N, C-alpha and C. Protein backbone atom coordinates (compact mmCIF):
# COMPACT_ATOMS: atom_id res chain seq x y z
N MET A 1 1.82 -21.55 -71.60
CA MET A 1 3.10 -20.18 -70.52
C MET A 1 4.36 -20.53 -71.76
N HIS A 2 5.01 -19.34 -71.67
CA HIS A 2 6.63 -19.47 -72.83
C HIS A 2 7.53 -19.91 -71.15
N LYS A 3 8.49 -21.09 -71.39
CA LYS A 3 8.82 -20.83 -70.02
C LYS A 3 10.10 -19.88 -70.71
N LYS A 4 10.91 -19.52 -69.31
CA LYS A 4 11.96 -18.86 -69.78
C LYS A 4 13.69 -19.86 -69.86
N ARG A 5 14.29 -19.52 -71.23
CA ARG A 5 15.79 -19.94 -71.35
C ARG A 5 16.61 -19.33 -70.17
N SER A 6 17.18 -20.39 -70.17
CA SER A 6 18.45 -19.38 -69.09
C SER A 6 19.29 -19.50 -70.66
N ARG A 7 20.23 -18.50 -70.81
CA ARG A 7 20.88 -18.82 -71.31
C ARG A 7 21.68 -19.04 -70.89
N PHE A 8 23.09 -18.87 -71.63
CA PHE A 8 24.80 -20.22 -71.25
C PHE A 8 25.37 -18.38 -71.15
N LEU A 9 25.83 -18.24 -69.30
CA LEU A 9 26.56 -17.30 -69.16
C LEU A 9 28.22 -18.44 -68.95
N PRO A 10 29.11 -17.87 -69.44
CA PRO A 10 30.56 -18.88 -70.09
C PRO A 10 30.95 -17.72 -68.62
N SER A 11 31.76 -18.85 -68.01
CA SER A 11 32.65 -18.78 -67.32
C SER A 11 33.59 -17.62 -66.78
N PRO A 12 34.11 -17.27 -66.16
CA PRO A 12 35.02 -16.02 -66.59
C PRO A 12 36.49 -17.18 -67.03
N VAL A 13 36.80 -15.99 -67.44
CA VAL A 13 38.28 -16.65 -68.19
C VAL A 13 39.52 -16.24 -66.64
N ARG A 14 40.22 -17.32 -67.03
CA ARG A 14 41.25 -17.29 -65.60
C ARG A 14 41.90 -16.97 -65.87
N VAL A 15 43.23 -15.94 -65.77
CA VAL A 15 44.72 -16.35 -66.01
C VAL A 15 45.88 -16.85 -65.58
N ARG A 16 46.27 -17.86 -65.37
CA ARG A 16 47.48 -18.40 -64.62
C ARG A 16 48.80 -17.71 -64.76
N GLN A 17 48.63 -17.35 -63.48
CA GLN A 17 49.92 -16.11 -62.91
C GLN A 17 51.11 -17.03 -62.68
N GLU A 18 51.96 -17.60 -62.98
CA GLU A 18 53.34 -17.79 -62.35
C GLU A 18 54.09 -17.40 -62.63
N PRO A 19 55.18 -17.26 -61.39
CA PRO A 19 55.89 -16.23 -61.90
C PRO A 19 57.21 -16.93 -62.65
N PRO A 20 59.09 -16.13 -63.17
CA PRO A 20 59.45 -16.52 -63.80
C PRO A 20 60.04 -17.30 -63.43
N THR A 21 60.53 -18.35 -64.26
CA THR A 21 61.58 -19.05 -62.97
C THR A 21 63.07 -18.15 -63.14
N VAL A 22 64.35 -18.87 -62.46
CA VAL A 22 65.13 -18.16 -62.67
C VAL A 22 65.97 -17.31 -63.48
N ALA A 23 66.00 -18.80 -64.72
CA ALA A 23 66.49 -18.27 -65.92
C ALA A 23 66.22 -17.45 -66.91
N GLU A 24 64.53 -17.28 -66.81
CA GLU A 24 63.23 -16.58 -67.47
C GLU A 24 64.07 -14.94 -66.74
N ALA A 25 64.19 -14.75 -65.67
CA ALA A 25 64.15 -13.44 -64.55
C ALA A 25 65.21 -12.82 -65.18
N VAL A 26 66.64 -13.62 -65.13
CA VAL A 26 67.75 -13.27 -65.47
C VAL A 26 68.11 -12.37 -66.85
N ALA A 27 67.72 -14.27 -67.57
CA ALA A 27 67.45 -13.36 -68.93
C ALA A 27 66.70 -11.87 -69.49
N ALA A 28 66.18 -12.47 -68.85
CA ALA A 28 65.01 -10.68 -69.48
C ALA A 28 65.78 -9.41 -68.35
N ALA A 29 66.21 -9.35 -67.38
CA ALA A 29 67.19 -8.28 -66.44
C ALA A 29 68.40 -8.07 -67.64
N GLN A 30 68.78 -9.54 -68.14
CA GLN A 30 70.17 -8.99 -68.38
C GLN A 30 69.81 -8.49 -70.35
N ALA A 31 68.62 -8.45 -70.62
CA ALA A 31 67.89 -8.09 -71.45
C ALA A 31 68.02 -6.45 -71.57
N LEU A 32 67.65 -6.32 -70.03
CA LEU A 32 67.57 -5.00 -69.99
C LEU A 32 68.22 -3.81 -69.87
N THR A 33 69.64 -4.60 -69.32
CA THR A 33 70.34 -3.22 -68.95
C THR A 33 71.77 -4.88 -68.74
N PRO A 34 73.06 -3.75 -69.12
CA PRO A 34 74.64 -4.10 -68.20
C PRO A 34 74.75 -4.58 -67.21
N VAL A 35 73.93 -2.92 -66.86
CA VAL A 35 74.45 -3.04 -64.87
C VAL A 35 74.20 -4.37 -64.09
N LEU A 36 75.13 -4.46 -62.88
CA LEU A 36 74.26 -5.80 -62.75
C LEU A 36 73.30 -5.63 -61.58
N GLU A 37 74.11 -4.82 -61.30
CA GLU A 37 72.85 -4.77 -59.86
C GLU A 37 71.32 -3.69 -59.95
N GLN A 38 71.34 -3.00 -61.14
CA GLN A 38 70.34 -3.35 -62.01
C GLN A 38 69.28 -4.60 -62.49
N GLN A 39 70.37 -5.64 -62.86
CA GLN A 39 70.51 -7.13 -63.05
C GLN A 39 69.44 -7.22 -62.31
N VAL A 40 69.70 -7.04 -60.21
CA VAL A 40 69.72 -8.32 -59.16
C VAL A 40 67.83 -7.65 -58.93
N ASP A 41 68.16 -6.32 -59.44
CA ASP A 41 67.22 -5.43 -58.74
C ASP A 41 65.53 -6.06 -59.50
N ILE A 42 65.21 -6.01 -61.14
CA ILE A 42 64.89 -6.39 -61.40
C ILE A 42 64.73 -7.93 -61.94
N THR A 43 65.14 -9.02 -61.50
CA THR A 43 64.74 -10.17 -61.42
C THR A 43 64.18 -10.29 -59.82
N ALA A 44 65.06 -9.88 -58.55
CA ALA A 44 64.14 -9.61 -57.67
C ALA A 44 62.89 -9.43 -57.53
N GLY A 45 62.41 -8.11 -59.07
CA GLY A 45 60.82 -7.33 -58.67
C GLY A 45 60.22 -8.42 -59.84
N LEU A 46 61.00 -9.34 -60.97
CA LEU A 46 60.46 -10.38 -61.46
C LEU A 46 59.59 -11.37 -60.97
N MET A 47 60.86 -12.18 -60.25
CA MET A 47 59.83 -13.28 -59.17
C MET A 47 59.62 -12.88 -57.55
N GLY A 48 59.31 -12.14 -57.44
CA GLY A 48 58.70 -11.98 -55.95
C GLY A 48 59.65 -11.99 -54.89
N LEU A 49 61.11 -11.96 -55.14
CA LEU A 49 61.34 -12.08 -54.46
C LEU A 49 62.90 -10.79 -53.46
N SER A 50 63.70 -10.95 -52.92
CA SER A 50 64.90 -9.81 -52.12
C SER A 50 65.59 -9.93 -52.76
N PRO A 51 66.01 -9.01 -53.71
CA PRO A 51 67.42 -8.61 -54.30
C PRO A 51 68.44 -9.71 -53.52
N ASP A 52 68.38 -9.93 -52.40
CA ASP A 52 69.99 -10.80 -51.21
C ASP A 52 70.00 -12.08 -52.03
N GLU A 53 67.96 -12.60 -51.88
CA GLU A 53 68.05 -13.58 -53.27
C GLU A 53 68.12 -14.50 -54.44
N THR A 54 68.55 -13.04 -55.06
CA THR A 54 68.34 -13.11 -56.40
C THR A 54 70.04 -13.11 -56.61
N ARG A 55 70.74 -12.77 -55.71
CA ARG A 55 72.45 -11.54 -55.89
C ARG A 55 73.01 -13.19 -56.68
N PRO A 56 73.61 -14.22 -56.27
CA PRO A 56 74.50 -15.65 -56.51
C PRO A 56 73.47 -16.02 -57.76
N PHE A 57 72.71 -15.92 -58.74
CA PHE A 57 71.93 -16.26 -59.53
C PHE A 57 72.49 -15.62 -60.56
N VAL A 58 72.38 -13.86 -60.80
CA VAL A 58 72.80 -13.22 -61.20
C VAL A 58 73.88 -12.90 -61.61
N LEU A 59 75.14 -13.20 -60.38
CA LEU A 59 76.00 -13.14 -60.32
C LEU A 59 76.52 -14.60 -60.94
N GLU A 60 75.82 -15.25 -61.45
CA GLU A 60 76.65 -16.65 -61.41
C GLU A 60 76.37 -17.00 -63.36
N ALA A 61 75.34 -16.31 -63.99
CA ALA A 61 74.79 -16.70 -64.88
C ALA A 61 75.68 -16.55 -66.23
N PRO A 62 75.41 -16.60 -67.63
CA PRO A 62 76.32 -16.10 -68.06
C PRO A 62 76.22 -15.57 -68.85
N PRO A 63 77.32 -14.54 -69.30
CA PRO A 63 77.01 -13.35 -70.11
C PRO A 63 75.48 -13.55 -71.48
N PRO A 64 75.04 -12.78 -71.45
CA PRO A 64 74.28 -12.52 -72.91
C PRO A 64 74.45 -13.27 -73.78
N THR A 65 73.79 -14.09 -74.88
CA THR A 65 74.73 -13.94 -76.23
C THR A 65 73.88 -13.08 -76.99
N LEU A 66 74.39 -12.85 -77.63
CA LEU A 66 73.89 -12.33 -79.17
C LEU A 66 72.62 -12.98 -79.78
N GLN A 67 71.87 -13.22 -79.32
CA GLN A 67 71.03 -14.20 -81.61
C GLN A 67 69.94 -13.39 -82.70
N ARG A 68 70.34 -13.25 -83.31
CA ARG A 68 69.69 -12.59 -84.98
C ARG A 68 68.67 -12.46 -84.23
N SER A 69 67.22 -12.10 -85.17
CA SER A 69 65.99 -11.27 -84.69
C SER A 69 65.78 -12.10 -86.36
N ALA A 70 64.35 -12.85 -85.29
CA ALA A 70 63.46 -13.60 -86.46
C ALA A 70 63.50 -12.70 -87.18
N ALA A 71 63.24 -11.51 -87.13
CA ALA A 71 62.74 -10.52 -88.52
C ALA A 71 63.30 -10.14 -90.29
N PRO A 72 62.63 -9.88 -91.24
CA PRO A 72 62.66 -10.56 -92.07
C PRO A 72 63.57 -9.35 -92.46
N GLN A 73 64.11 -10.14 -93.86
CA GLN A 73 64.88 -8.86 -94.22
C GLN A 73 64.54 -7.95 -95.08
N LEU A 74 64.97 -6.81 -94.29
CA LEU A 74 64.02 -5.44 -95.82
C LEU A 74 64.29 -6.09 -97.25
N LEU A 75 65.05 -6.13 -97.52
CA LEU A 75 65.69 -6.01 -99.51
C LEU A 75 66.23 -7.74 -99.22
N PRO A 76 65.17 -7.90 -99.93
CA PRO A 76 64.88 -9.38 -101.06
C PRO A 76 66.25 -10.26 -101.77
N THR A 77 66.40 -10.61 -102.25
CA THR A 77 67.31 -10.79 -102.65
C THR A 77 67.10 -11.38 -104.94
N PRO A 78 67.29 -11.66 -105.21
CA PRO A 78 66.67 -10.94 -106.95
C PRO A 78 65.64 -12.73 -106.44
N SER A 79 66.48 -13.48 -106.11
CA SER A 79 66.36 -14.78 -106.28
C SER A 79 64.68 -14.92 -106.00
N LEU A 80 64.87 -14.68 -104.83
CA LEU A 80 63.10 -14.77 -104.01
C LEU A 80 62.29 -13.64 -104.36
N ALA A 81 62.83 -12.64 -105.53
CA ALA A 81 62.08 -11.73 -105.63
C ALA A 81 61.56 -12.82 -107.33
N ARG A 82 62.31 -13.78 -107.38
CA ARG A 82 62.14 -14.49 -108.67
C ARG A 82 60.62 -15.54 -107.60
N VAL A 83 61.35 -15.61 -106.60
CA VAL A 83 59.76 -17.33 -106.97
C VAL A 83 58.85 -16.86 -105.78
N PHE A 84 59.28 -15.24 -105.29
CA PHE A 84 57.59 -14.37 -105.00
C PHE A 84 56.67 -14.12 -106.49
N GLY A 85 57.00 -14.16 -107.35
CA GLY A 85 57.03 -13.04 -108.16
C GLY A 85 56.69 -11.96 -108.15
N VAL A 86 57.96 -11.32 -107.72
CA VAL A 86 57.35 -9.62 -107.73
C VAL A 86 57.95 -9.33 -108.79
N LYS A 87 56.71 -8.16 -109.03
CA LYS A 87 57.30 -7.11 -110.29
C LYS A 87 58.64 -6.35 -109.94
N SER A 88 58.73 -5.83 -111.17
CA SER A 88 60.37 -5.03 -110.65
C SER A 88 59.48 -3.45 -111.18
N ALA A 89 58.35 -3.19 -110.64
CA ALA A 89 57.80 -2.02 -110.06
C ALA A 89 58.08 -1.76 -108.67
N GLY A 90 57.84 -2.53 -108.61
CA GLY A 90 57.83 -2.67 -106.76
C GLY A 90 57.87 -3.78 -106.37
N TYR A 91 58.40 -3.83 -104.53
CA TYR A 91 57.84 -5.15 -104.32
C TYR A 91 56.64 -4.77 -103.46
N ALA A 92 56.07 -3.82 -103.55
CA ALA A 92 55.04 -4.65 -102.77
C ALA A 92 53.57 -4.88 -103.91
N ASN A 93 53.68 -4.56 -105.26
CA ASN A 93 53.34 -5.68 -105.90
C ASN A 93 53.03 -6.87 -106.17
N ILE A 94 52.87 -7.76 -105.08
CA ILE A 94 53.29 -9.03 -105.55
C ILE A 94 51.98 -10.19 -106.54
N GLU A 95 52.24 -10.79 -107.27
CA GLU A 95 51.85 -11.27 -107.76
C GLU A 95 52.01 -13.16 -108.16
N PRO A 96 50.29 -13.76 -107.78
CA PRO A 96 50.53 -15.09 -108.46
C PRO A 96 51.55 -16.14 -108.85
N LEU A 97 52.93 -16.76 -109.04
CA LEU A 97 53.42 -17.22 -109.76
C LEU A 97 52.39 -18.76 -111.06
N PRO A 98 52.64 -18.78 -111.90
CA PRO A 98 52.23 -19.81 -112.75
C PRO A 98 52.17 -21.13 -112.62
N ARG A 99 50.70 -21.89 -112.47
CA ARG A 99 50.44 -23.29 -112.54
C ARG A 99 51.46 -24.23 -112.92
N ARG A 100 52.03 -25.13 -112.48
CA ARG A 100 53.11 -26.11 -112.89
C ARG A 100 51.85 -27.11 -113.33
N LYS A 101 52.35 -27.68 -114.99
CA LYS A 101 51.44 -28.76 -115.35
C LYS A 101 52.27 -29.95 -114.86
C-alpha cells in the first residue's frame, strides 16, 4: 500500500506590527497638515496614545524640512540622451550603446 505523504504546510506569515516612534509619527503628521492641533490628533492616533500625551512632542518638533523628491526628472539633458542612446524620434525608443573594444 502507498503511504500518504503529508504535504508541507507553511506556517502563516506573521507581520510584526509596531507603533511608530515619536519622531516618525510627528513627521508623518507634519507632512499631512500644517495645523498643529491636527498634527497632535494624527500623532496620537498613529501611536495609540491620547492627544494630551503627544501634544508636547508635536509642539517641540522642528518644522518640517522640504526635501527634493527622488523622482527622476521628466526631461533628460542632451548629455543623458547620448549616454543612454536615445533616438531623436523620442525618448521612448532606447537602443543599447555599442560595446567598447
